[in-house]
Amino acid sequence: TGSIGTQTLDIVRNYPDRLEIVALAAGSSVELLEQQ
């Protein structure tokens, strides 16, 4: 949910056929992590 993390997910969005998210972790941003 941080700056680097959200930009990493932007890249995954660009390449859904090449990258798959299997795990996510965040500090305290529950709402944003739910969305992710």
ModelCIF file with pLDDT and N, C-alpha, C, O atoms, coordinates in Angstrom:
data_MODEL
#
_entry.id   MODEL 
#
_entity.id                         1 
_entity.type                       polymer 
_entity.pdbx_number_of_molecules   1 
#
_entity_poly.entity_id                      1 
_entity_poly.type                           'polypeptide(L)' 
_entity_poly.nstd_linkage                   no 
_entity_poly.nstd_monomer                   no 
_entity_poly.pdbx_seq_one_letter_code       TGSIGTQTLDIVRNYPDRLEIVALAAGSSVELLEQQ 
_entity_poly.pdbx_seq_one_letter_code_can   TGSIGTQTLDIVRNYPDRLEIVALAAGSSVELLEQQ 
_entity_poly.pdbx_strand_id                 A 
#
loop_
_entity_poly_seq.entity_id 
_entity_poly_seq.num 
_entity_poly_seq.mon_id 
_entity_poly_seq.hetero 
1 1  THR n 
1 2  GLY n 
1 3  SER n 
1 4  ILE n 
1 5  GLY n 
1 6  THR n 
1 7  GLN n 
1 8  THR n 
1 9  LEU n 
1 10 ASP n 
1 11 ILE n 
1 12 VAL n 
1 13 ARG n 
1 14 ASN n 
1 15 TYR n 
1 16 PRO n 
1 17 ASP n 
1 18 ARG n 
1 19 LEU n 
1 20 GLU n 
1 21 ILE n 
1 22 VAL n 
1 23 ALA n 
1 24 LEU n 
1 25 ALA n 
1 26 ALA n 
1 27 GLY n 
1 28 SER n 
1 29 SER n 
1 30 VAL n 
1 31 GLU n 
1 32 LEU n 
1 33 LEU n 
1 34 GLU n 
1 35 GLN n 
1 36 GLN n 
#
_struct_asym.id          A 
_struct_asym.entity_id   1 
#
loop_
_ma_qa_metric.id 
_ma_qa_metric.mode 
_ma_qa_metric.name 
_ma_qa_metric.software_group_id 
_ma_qa_metric.type 
1 global pLDDT . pLDDT 
2 local  pLDDT . pLDDT 
#
_ma_qa_metric_global.metric_id      1 
_ma_qa_metric_global.metric_value   96.19 
_ma_qa_metric_global.model_id       1 
_ma_qa_metric_global.ordinal_id     1 
#
loop_
_ma_qa_metric_local.label_asym_id 
_ma_qa_metric_local.label_comp_id 
_ma_qa_metric_local.label_seq_id 
_ma_qa_metric_local.metric_id 
_ma_qa_metric_local.metric_value 
_ma_qa_metric_local.model_id 
_ma_qa_metric_local.ordinal_id 
A THR 1  2 96.00 1 1  
A GLY 2  2 92.00 1 2  
A SER 3  2 89.00 1 3  
A ILE 4  2 93.00 1 4  
A GLY 5  2 96.00 1 5  
A THR 6  2 96.00 1 6  
A GLN 7  2 96.00 1 7  
A THR 8  2 97.00 1 8  
A LEU 9  2 98.00 1 9  
A ASP 10 2 97.00 1 10 
A ILE 11 2 97.00 1 11 
A VAL 12 2 97.00 1 12 
A ARG 13 2 97.00 1 13 
A ASN 14 2 96.00 1 14 
A TYR 15 2 97.00 1 15 
A PRO 16 2 95.00 1 16 
A ASP 17 2 96.00 1 17 
A ARG 18 2 97.00 1 18 
A LEU 19 2 98.00 1 19 
A GLU 20 2 98.00 1 20 
A ILE 21 2 98.00 1 21 
A VAL 22 2 98.00 1 22 
A ALA 23 2 98.00 1 23 
A LEU 24 2 98.00 1 24 
A ALA 25 2 98.00 1 25 
A ALA 26 2 96.00 1 26 
A GLY 27 2 92.00 1 27 
A SER 28 2 90.00 1 28 
A SER 29 2 94.00 1 29 
A VAL 30 2 96.00 1 30 
A GLU 31 2 97.00 1 31 
A LEU 32 2 98.00 1 32 
A LEU 33 2 98.00 1 33 
A GLU 34 2 98.00 1 34 
A GLN 35 2 98.00 1 35 
A GLN 36 2 98.00 1 36 
#
loop_
_atom_site.group_PDB 
_atom_site.id 
_atom_site.type_symbol 
_atom_site.label_atom_id 
_atom_site.label_alt_id 
_atom_site.label_comp_id 
_atom_site.label_asym_id 
_atom_site.label_entity_id 
_atom_site.label_seq_id 
_atom_site.pdbx_PDB_ins_code 
_atom_site.Cartn_x 
_atom_site.Cartn_y 
_atom_site.Cartn_z 
_atom_site.occupancy 
_atom_site.B_iso_or_equiv 
_atom_site.pdbx_formal_charge 
_atom_site.auth_seq_id 
_atom_site.auth_comp_id 
_atom_site.auth_asym_id 
_atom_site.auth_atom_id 
_atom_site.pdbx_PDB_model_num 
ATOM 1   N N  . THR A 1 1  ? 0.814  -1.221  0.000   1.00 96.00 ? 1  THR A N  1 
ATOM 2   C CA . THR A 1 1  ? 0.000  0.000   0.000   1.00 96.00 ? 1  THR A CA 1 
ATOM 3   C C  . THR A 1 1  ? 0.845  1.268   0.000   1.00 96.00 ? 1  THR A C  1 
ATOM 4   O O  . THR A 1 1  ? 0.304  2.373   -0.038  1.00 96.00 ? 1  THR A O  1 
ATOM 5   N N  . GLY A 1 2  ? 2.173  1.118   0.042   1.00 92.00 ? 2  GLY A N  1 
ATOM 6   C CA . GLY A 1 2  ? 3.070  2.270   0.004   1.00 92.00 ? 2  GLY A CA 1 
ATOM 7   C C  . GLY A 1 2  ? 3.381  2.692   -1.419  1.00 92.00 ? 2  GLY A C  1 
ATOM 8   O O  . GLY A 1 2  ? 2.821  2.157   -2.376  1.00 92.00 ? 2  GLY A O  1 
ATOM 9   N N  . SER A 1 3  ? 4.288  3.667   -1.548  1.00 89.00 ? 3  SER A N  1 
ATOM 10  C CA . SER A 1 3  ? 4.618  4.232   -2.860  1.00 89.00 ? 3  SER A CA 1 
ATOM 11  C C  . SER A 1 3  ? 5.172  3.181   -3.819  1.00 89.00 ? 3  SER A C  1 
ATOM 12  O O  . SER A 1 3  ? 4.681  3.042   -4.939  1.00 89.00 ? 3  SER A O  1 
ATOM 13  N N  . ILE A 1 4  ? 6.194  2.440   -3.384  1.00 93.00 ? 4  ILE A N  1 
ATOM 14  C CA . ILE A 1 4  ? 6.789  1.423   -4.249  1.00 93.00 ? 4  ILE A CA 1 
ATOM 15  C C  . ILE A 1 4  ? 5.802  0.282   -4.482  1.00 93.00 ? 4  ILE A C  1 
ATOM 16  O O  . ILE A 1 4  ? 5.688  -0.229  -5.597  1.00 93.00 ? 4  ILE A O  1 
ATOM 17  N N  . GLY A 1 5  ? 5.094  -0.113  -3.437  1.00 96.00 ? 5  GLY A N  1 
ATOM 18  C CA . GLY A 1 5  ? 4.148  -1.212  -3.561  1.00 96.00 ? 5  GLY A CA 1 
ATOM 19  C C  . GLY A 1 5  ? 3.040  -0.925  -4.563  1.00 96.00 ? 5  GLY A C  1 
ATOM 20  O O  . GLY A 1 5  ? 2.724  -1.774  -5.397  1.00 96.00 ? 5  GLY A O  1 
ATOM 21  N N  . THR A 1 6  ? 2.453  0.253   -4.491  1.00 96.00 ? 6  THR A N  1 
ATOM 22  C CA . THR A 1 6  ? 1.353  0.582   -5.414  1.00 96.00 ? 6  THR A CA 1 
ATOM 23  C C  . THR A 1 6  ? 1.864  0.701   -6.846  1.00 96.00 ? 6  THR A C  1 
ATOM 24  O O  . THR A 1 6  ? 1.154  0.339   -7.784  1.00 96.00 ? 6  THR A O  1 
ATOM 25  N N  . GLN A 1 7  ? 3.075  1.199   -7.027  1.00 96.00 ? 7  GLN A N  1 
ATOM 26  C CA . GLN A 1 7  ? 3.642  1.284   -8.382  1.00 96.00 ? 7  GLN A CA 1 
ATOM 27  C C  . GLN A 1 7  ? 3.999  -0.101  -8.919  1.00 96.00 ? 7  GLN A C  1 
ATOM 28  O O  . GLN A 1 7  ? 3.913  -0.347  -10.122 1.00 96.00 ? 7  GLN A O  1 
ATOM 29  N N  . THR A 1 8  ? 4.398  -1.001  -8.026  1.00 97.00 ? 8  THR A N  1 
ATOM 30  C CA . THR A 1 8  ? 4.630  -2.387  -8.437  1.00 97.00 ? 8  THR A CA 1 
ATOM 31  C C  . THR A 1 8  ? 3.351  -2.997  -8.972  1.00 97.00 ? 8  THR A C  1 
ATOM 32  O O  . THR A 1 8  ? 3.367  -3.694  -9.987  1.00 97.00 ? 8  THR A O  1 
ATOM 33  N N  . LEU A 1 9  ? 2.245  -2.739  -8.293  1.00 98.00 ? 9  LEU A N  1 
ATOM 34  C CA . LEU A 1 9  ? 0.961  -3.279  -8.737  1.00 98.00 ? 9  LEU A CA 1 
ATOM 35  C C  . LEU A 1 9  ? 0.508  -2.650  -10.055 1.00 98.00 ? 9  LEU A C  1 
ATOM 36  O O  . LEU A 1 9  ? -0.192 -3.291  -10.839 1.00 98.00 ? 9  LEU A O  1 
ATOM 37  N N  . ASP A 1 10 ? 0.902  -1.404  -10.300 1.00 97.00 ? 10 ASP A N  1 
ATOM 38  C CA . ASP A 1 10 ? 0.620  -0.787  -11.604 1.00 97.00 ? 10 ASP A CA 1 
ATOM 39  C C  . ASP A 1 10 ? 1.273  -1.583  -12.728 1.00 97.00 ? 10 ASP A C  1 
ATOM 40  O O  . ASP A 1 10 ? 0.686  -1.777  -13.792 1.00 97.00 ? 10 ASP A O  1 
ATOM 41  N N  . ILE A 1 11 ? 2.500  -2.042  -12.475 1.00 97.00 ? 11 ILE A N  1 
ATOM 42  C CA . ILE A 1 11 ? 3.218  -2.828  -13.481 1.00 97.00 ? 11 ILE A CA 1 
ATOM 43  C C  . ILE A 1 11 ? 2.541  -4.175  -13.690 1.00 97.00 ? 11 ILE A C  1 
ATOM 44  O O  . ILE A 1 11 ? 2.442  -4.659  -14.817 1.00 97.00 ? 11 ILE A O  1 
ATOM 45  N N  . VAL A 1 12 ? 2.075  -4.778  -12.602 1.00 97.00 ? 12 VAL A N  1 
ATOM 46  C CA . VAL A 1 12 ? 1.348  -6.045  -12.721 1.00 97.00 ? 12 VAL A CA 1 
ATOM 47  C C  . VAL A 1 12 ? 0.095  -5.845  -13.567 1.00 97.00 ? 12 VAL A C  1 
ATOM 48  O O  . VAL A 1 12 ? -0.258 -6.712  -14.367 1.00 97.00 ? 12 VAL A O  1 
ATOM 49  N N  . ARG A 1 13 ? -0.579 -4.711  -13.396 1.00 97.00 ? 13 ARG A N  1 
ATOM 50  C CA . ARG A 1 13 ? -1.764 -4.424  -14.208 1.00 97.00 ? 13 ARG A CA 1 
ATOM 51  C C  . ARG A 1 13 ? -1.418 -4.369  -15.701 1.00 97.00 ? 13 ARG A C  1 
ATOM 52  O O  . ARG A 1 13 ? -2.210 -4.785  -16.548 1.00 97.00 ? 13 ARG A O  1 
ATOM 53  N N  . ASN A 1 14 ? -0.228 -3.852  -16.008 1.00 96.00 ? 14 ASN A N  1 
ATOM 54  C CA . ASN A 1 14 ? 0.193  -3.745  -17.405 1.00 96.00 ? 14 ASN A CA 1 
ATOM 55  C C  . ASN A 1 14 ? 0.530  -5.100  -18.017 1.00 96.00 ? 14 ASN A C  1 
ATOM 56  O O  . ASN A 1 14 ? 0.447  -5.276  -19.233 1.00 96.00 ? 14 ASN A O  1 
ATOM 57  N N  . TYR A 1 15 ? 0.909  -6.058  -17.171 1.00 97.00 ? 15 TYR A N  1 
ATOM 58  C CA . TYR A 1 15 ? 1.346  -7.366  -17.668 1.00 97.00 ? 15 TYR A CA 1 
ATOM 59  C C  . TYR A 1 15 ? 0.671  -8.516  -16.905 1.00 97.00 ? 15 TYR A C  1 
ATOM 60  O O  . TYR A 1 15 ? 1.351  -9.328  -16.278 1.00 97.00 ? 15 TYR A O  1 
ATOM 61  N N  . PRO A 1 16 ? -0.652 -8.581  -16.960 1.00 95.00 ? 16 PRO A N  1 
ATOM 62  C CA . PRO A 1 16 ? -1.363 -9.642  -16.227 1.00 95.00 ? 16 PRO A CA 1 
ATOM 63  C C  . PRO A 1 16 ? -1.056 -11.044 -16.748 1.00 95.00 ? 16 PRO A C  1 
ATOM 64  O O  . PRO A 1 16 ? -1.281 -12.032 -16.048 1.00 95.00 ? 16 PRO A O  1 
ATOM 65  N N  . ASP A 1 17 ? -0.537 -11.133 -17.987 1.00 96.00 ? 17 ASP A N  1 
ATOM 66  C CA . ASP A 1 17 ? -0.191 -12.435 -18.550 1.00 96.00 ? 17 ASP A CA 1 
ATOM 67  C C  . ASP A 1 17 ? 1.234  -12.858 -18.203 1.00 96.00 ? 17 ASP A C  1 
ATOM 68  O O  . ASP A 1 17 ? 1.650  -13.975 -18.512 1.00 96.00 ? 17 ASP A O  1 
ATOM 69  N N  . ARG A 1 18 ? 1.993  -11.940 -17.545 1.00 97.00 ? 18 ARG A N  1 
ATOM 70  C CA . ARG A 1 18 ? 3.390  -12.243 -17.206 1.00 97.00 ? 18 ARG A CA 1 
ATOM 71  C C  . ARG A 1 18 ? 3.651  -12.268 -15.706 1.00 97.00 ? 18 ARG A C  1 
ATOM 72  O O  . ARG A 1 18 ? 4.598  -12.905 -15.245 1.00 97.00 ? 18 ARG A O  1 
ATOM 73  N N  . LEU A 1 19 ? 2.802  -11.568 -14.943 1.00 98.00 ? 19 LEU A N  1 
ATOM 74  C CA . LEU A 1 19 ? 3.017  -11.441 -13.503 1.00 98.00 ? 19 LEU A CA 1 
ATOM 75  C C  . LEU A 1 19 ? 1.741  -11.821 -12.753 1.00 98.00 ? 19 LEU A C  1 
ATOM 76  O O  . LEU A 1 19 ? 0.636  -11.456 -13.154 1.00 98.00 ? 19 LEU A O  1 
ATOM 77  N N  . GLU A 1 20 ? 1.916  -12.554 -11.668 1.00 98.00 ? 20 GLU A N  1 
ATOM 78  C CA . GLU A 1 20 ? 0.775  -12.934 -10.821 1.00 98.00 ? 20 GLU A CA 1 
ATOM 79  C C  . GLU A 1 20 ? 1.096  -12.621 -9.364  1.00 98.00 ? 20 GLU A C  1 
ATOM 80  O O  . GLU A 1 20 ? 2.158  -13.000 -8.869  1.00 98.00 ? 20 GLU A O  1 
ATOM 81  N N  . ILE A 1 21 ? 0.197  -11.939 -8.679  1.00 98.00 ? 21 ILE A N  1 
ATOM 82  C CA . ILE A 1 21 ? 0.353  -11.641 -7.266  1.00 98.00 ? 21 ILE A CA 1 
ATOM 83  C C  . ILE A 1 21 ? -0.158 -12.813 -6.445  1.00 98.00 ? 21 ILE A C  1 
ATOM 84  O O  . ILE A 1 21 ? -1.323 -13.197 -6.553  1.00 98.00 ? 21 ILE A O  1 
ATOM 85  N N  . VAL A 1 22 ? 0.727  -13.385 -5.615  1.00 98.00 ? 22 VAL A N  1 
ATOM 86  C CA . VAL A 1 22 ? 0.300  -14.501 -4.757  1.00 98.00 ? 22 VAL A CA 1 
ATOM 87  C C  . VAL A 1 22 ? 0.218  -14.092 -3.288  1.00 98.00 ? 22 VAL A C  1 
ATOM 88  O O  . VAL A 1 22 ? -0.384 -14.800 -2.481  1.00 98.00 ? 22 VAL A O  1 
ATOM 89  N N  . ALA A 1 23 ? 0.821  -12.952 -2.935  1.00 98.00 ? 23 ALA A N  1 
ATOM 90  C CA . ALA A 1 23 ? 0.784  -12.505 -1.537  1.00 98.00 ? 23 ALA A CA 1 
ATOM 91  C C  . ALA A 1 23 ? 0.986  -11.004 -1.448  1.00 98.00 ? 23 ALA A C  1 
ATOM 92  O O  . ALA A 1 23 ? 1.732  -10.416 -2.232  1.00 98.00 ? 23 ALA A O  1 
ATOM 93  N N  . LEU A 1 24 ? 0.312  -10.388 -0.483  1.00 98.00 ? 24 LEU A N  1 
ATOM 94  C CA . LEU A 1 24 ? 0.424  -8.951  -0.231  1.00 98.00 ? 24 LEU A CA 1 
ATOM 95  C C  . LEU A 1 24 ? 0.519  -8.729  1.274   1.00 98.00 ? 24 LEU A C  1 
ATOM 96  O O  . LEU A 1 24 ? -0.068 -9.473  2.059   1.00 98.00 ? 24 LEU A O  1 
ATOM 97  N N  . ALA A 1 25 ? 1.262  -7.700  1.668   1.00 98.00 ? 25 ALA A N  1 
ATOM 98  C CA . ALA A 1 25 ? 1.340  -7.329  3.085   1.00 98.00 ? 25 ALA A CA 1 
ATOM 99  C C  . ALA A 1 25 ? 1.392  -5.817  3.203   1.00 98.00 ? 25 ALA A C  1 
ATOM 100 O O  . ALA A 1 25 ? 1.988  -5.135  2.371   1.00 98.00 ? 25 ALA A O  1 
ATOM 101 N N  . ALA A 1 26 ? 0.758  -5.303  4.251   1.00 96.00 ? 26 ALA A N  1 
ATOM 102 C CA . ALA A 1 26 ? 0.726  -3.855  4.484   1.00 96.00 ? 26 ALA A CA 1 
ATOM 103 C C  . ALA A 1 26 ? 0.814  -3.582  5.977   1.00 96.00 ? 26 ALA A C  1 
ATOM 104 O O  . ALA A 1 26 ? 0.677  -4.482  6.806   1.00 96.00 ? 26 ALA A O  1 
ATOM 105 N N  . GLY A 1 27 ? 1.046  -2.319  6.294   1.00 92.00 ? 27 GLY A N  1 
ATOM 106 C CA . GLY A 1 27 ? 1.163  -1.929  7.693   1.00 92.00 ? 27 GLY A CA 1 
ATOM 107 C C  . GLY A 1 27 ? -0.184 -1.707  8.348   1.00 92.00 ? 27 GLY A C  1 
ATOM 108 O O  . GLY A 1 27 ? -0.573 -2.460  9.240   1.00 92.00 ? 27 GLY A O  1 
ATOM 109 N N  . SER A 1 28 ? -0.903 -0.674  7.912   1.00 90.00 ? 28 SER A N  1 
ATOM 110 C CA . SER A 1 28 ? -2.160 -0.330  8.582   1.00 90.00 ? 28 SER A CA 1 
ATOM 111 C C  . SER A 1 28 ? -3.281 0.060   7.624   1.00 90.00 ? 28 SER A C  1 
ATOM 112 O O  . SER A 1 28 ? -4.403 0.305   8.068   1.00 90.00 ? 28 SER A O  1 
ATOM 113 N N  . SER A 1 29 ? -3.008 0.123   6.327   1.00 94.00 ? 29 SER A N  1 
ATOM 114 C CA . SER A 1 29 ? -4.020 0.590   5.360   1.00 94.00 ? 29 SER A CA 1 
ATOM 115 C C  . SER A 1 29 ? -4.962 -0.548  4.970   1.00 94.00 ? 29 SER A C  1 
ATOM 116 O O  . SER A 1 29 ? -4.841 -1.132  3.893   1.00 94.00 ? 29 SER A O  1 
ATOM 117 N N  . VAL A 1 30 ? -5.892 -0.849  5.858   1.00 96.00 ? 30 VAL A N  1 
ATOM 118 C CA . VAL A 1 30 ? -6.787 -1.990  5.664   1.00 96.00 ? 30 VAL A CA 1 
ATOM 119 C C  . VAL A 1 30 ? -7.662 -1.805  4.429   1.00 96.00 ? 30 VAL A C  1 
ATOM 120 O O  . VAL A 1 30 ? -7.803 -2.729  3.628   1.00 96.00 ? 30 VAL A O  1 
ATOM 121 N N  . GLU A 1 31 ? -8.245 -0.632  4.268   1.00 97.00 ? 31 GLU A N  1 
ATOM 122 C CA . GLU A 1 31 ? -9.172 -0.406  3.159   1.00 97.00 ? 31 GLU A CA 1 
ATOM 123 C C  . GLU A 1 31 ? -8.482 -0.582  1.810   1.00 97.00 ? 31 GLU A C  1 
ATOM 124 O O  . GLU A 1 31 ? -9.020 -1.227  0.910   1.00 97.00 ? 31 GLU A O  1 
ATOM 125 N N  . LEU A 1 32 ? -7.275 0.002   1.672   1.00 98.00 ? 32 LEU A N  1 
ATOM 126 C CA . LEU A 1 32 ? -6.564 -0.118  0.399   1.00 98.00 ? 32 LEU A CA 1 
ATOM 127 C C  . LEU A 1 32 ? -6.130 -1.559  0.144   1.00 98.00 ? 32 LEU A C  1 
ATOM 128 O O  . LEU A 1 32 ? -6.206 -2.039  -0.987  1.00 98.00 ? 32 LEU A O  1 
ATOM 129 N N  . LEU A 1 33 ? -5.675 -2.250  1.191   1.00 98.00 ? 33 LEU A N  1 
ATOM 130 C CA . LEU A 1 33 ? -5.272 -3.642  1.005   1.00 98.00 ? 33 LEU A CA 1 
ATOM 131 C C  . LEU A 1 33 ? -6.472 -4.499  0.590   1.00 98.00 ? 33 LEU A C  1 
ATOM 132 O O  . LEU A 1 33 ? -6.339 -5.408  -0.229  1.00 98.00 ? 33 LEU A O  1 
ATOM 133 N N  . GLU A 1 34 ? -7.631 -4.205  1.156   1.00 98.00 ? 34 GLU A N  1 
ATOM 134 C CA . GLU A 1 34 ? -8.838 -4.936  0.728   1.00 98.00 ? 34 GLU A CA 1 
ATOM 135 C C  . GLU A 1 34 ? -9.077 -4.750  -0.769  1.00 98.00 ? 34 GLU A C  1 
ATOM 136 O O  . GLU A 1 34 ? -9.373 -5.707  -1.485  1.00 98.00 ? 34 GLU A O  1 
ATOM 137 N N  . GLN A 1 35 ? -8.944 -3.507  -1.232  1.00 98.00 ? 35 GLN A N  1 
ATOM 138 C CA . GLN A 1 35 ? -9.136 -3.234  -2.661  1.00 98.00 ? 35 GLN A CA 1 
ATOM 139 C C  . GLN A 1 35 ? -8.134 -4.019  -3.506  1.00 98.00 ? 35 GLN A C  1 
ATOM 140 O O  . GLN A 1 35 ? -8.485 -4.573  -4.548  1.00 98.00 ? 35 GLN A O  1 
ATOM 141 N N  . GLN A 1 36 ? -6.886 -4.060  -3.044  1.00 98.00 ? 36 GLN A N  1 
ATOM 142 C CA . GLN A 1 36 ? -5.858 -4.790  -3.782  1.00 98.00 ? 36 GLN A CA 1 
ATOM 143 C C  . GLN A 1 36 ? -6.144 -6.291  -3.809  1.00 98.00 ? 36 GLN A C  1 
ATOM 144 O O  . GLN A 1 36 ? -5.374 -7.055  -4.390  1.00 98.00 ? 36 GLN A O  1 
#
